[in-house]
Amino acid sequence: MKEGTVIKKNEKGFGFIKVAGAPDGSKDLFFHSNELKNISFDELQEGDKLSFEIGDSPKGPNALNVSKI
């Protein structure tokens, strides 16, 4: 499992995570509300710490099985 921080949350049900330990300037990781475990999208706030797995999609890497730490 990886860890990171919510850096952007869109009202349409998705957002982006800054992966802990990733080099500056690296691409942020996309997540969709369908991948949230044990927390609703409405409860999630920018700055929250998350744990997740990284998966691949046709549009690139994305976060899977996302949980709040």
Protein backbone atom coordinates (compact mmCIF):
# COMPACT_ATOMS: atom_id res chain seq x y z
CA MET A 1 0.00 0.00 0.00
CA LYS A 2 1.11 3.52 -0.81
CA GLU A 3 0.30 6.69 1.13
CA GLY A 4 -0.46 10.23 0.04
CA THR A 5 -2.48 13.40 0.58
CA VAL A 6 -5.63 14.67 -1.11
CA ILE A 7 -4.57 17.80 -2.97
CA LYS A 8 -7.66 18.43 -5.08
CA LYS A 9 -11.27 17.28 -4.86
CA ASN A 10 -13.82 17.90 -7.61
CA GLU A 11 -17.56 18.05 -6.88
CA LYS A 12 -18.12 15.59 -9.75
CA GLY A 13 -16.78 12.71 -7.63
CA PHE A 14 -13.08 12.53 -8.33
CA GLY A 15 -9.84 14.06 -7.15
CA PHE A 16 -6.07 13.88 -7.08
CA ILE A 17 -3.54 12.55 -4.57
CA LYS A 18 0.04 13.69 -4.02
CA VAL A 19 1.91 10.41 -3.47
CA ALA A 20 4.17 10.49 -0.39
CA GLY A 21 7.83 10.35 -1.34
CA ALA A 22 7.20 11.17 -4.99
CA PRO A 23 9.73 13.59 -6.49
CA ASP A 24 8.71 17.23 -6.84
CA GLY A 25 7.12 17.85 -10.21
CA SER A 26 5.83 14.28 -10.51
CA LYS A 27 2.32 13.75 -11.77
CA ASP A 28 -0.47 13.55 -9.17
CA LEU A 29 -2.53 10.37 -8.94
CA PHE A 30 -6.19 10.36 -10.02
CA PHE A 31 -8.86 8.75 -7.81
CA HIS A 32 -12.60 8.23 -8.28
CA SER A 33 -15.16 8.19 -5.47
CA ASN A 34 -16.08 4.59 -6.39
CA GLU A 35 -12.68 3.51 -5.02
CA LEU A 36 -13.19 5.00 -1.53
CA LYS A 37 -13.40 2.49 1.33
CA ASN A 38 -14.80 3.31 4.81
CA ILE A 39 -15.37 7.01 3.98
CA SER A 40 -17.81 8.87 1.77
CA PHE A 41 -16.67 11.35 -0.84
CA ASP A 42 -18.50 14.15 1.02
CA GLU A 43 -16.50 13.45 4.21
CA LEU A 44 -13.16 13.58 2.39
CA GLN A 45 -11.29 16.90 2.61
CA GLU A 46 -8.25 18.33 0.87
CA GLY A 47 -5.23 17.61 3.06
CA ASP A 48 -6.55 14.25 4.34
CA LYS A 49 -3.99 11.42 4.45
CA LEU A 50 -4.87 8.31 2.44
CA SER A 51 -3.60 4.81 1.81
CA PHE A 52 -4.19 3.18 -1.58
CA GLU A 53 -2.96 0.83 -4.26
CA ILE A 54 -1.89 2.00 -7.70
CA GLY A 55 -3.62 0.55 -10.74
CA ASP A 56 -3.54 1.20 -14.47
CA SER A 57 -6.36 2.48 -16.63
CA PRO A 58 -6.52 3.48 -20.30
CA LYS A 59 -5.90 7.08 -19.17
CA GLY A 60 -2.90 6.22 -16.97
CA PRO A 61 -2.20 5.30 -13.33
CA ASN A 62 -4.97 5.71 -10.77
CA ALA A 63 -5.58 5.02 -7.09
CA LEU A 64 -7.55 1.91 -6.08
CA ASN A 65 -8.94 0.76 -2.70
CA VAL A 66 -8.53 4.24 -1.19
CA SER A 67 -8.85 4.51 2.62
CA LYS A 68 -8.40 7.41 5.01
CA ILE A 69 -5.50 7.00 7.46
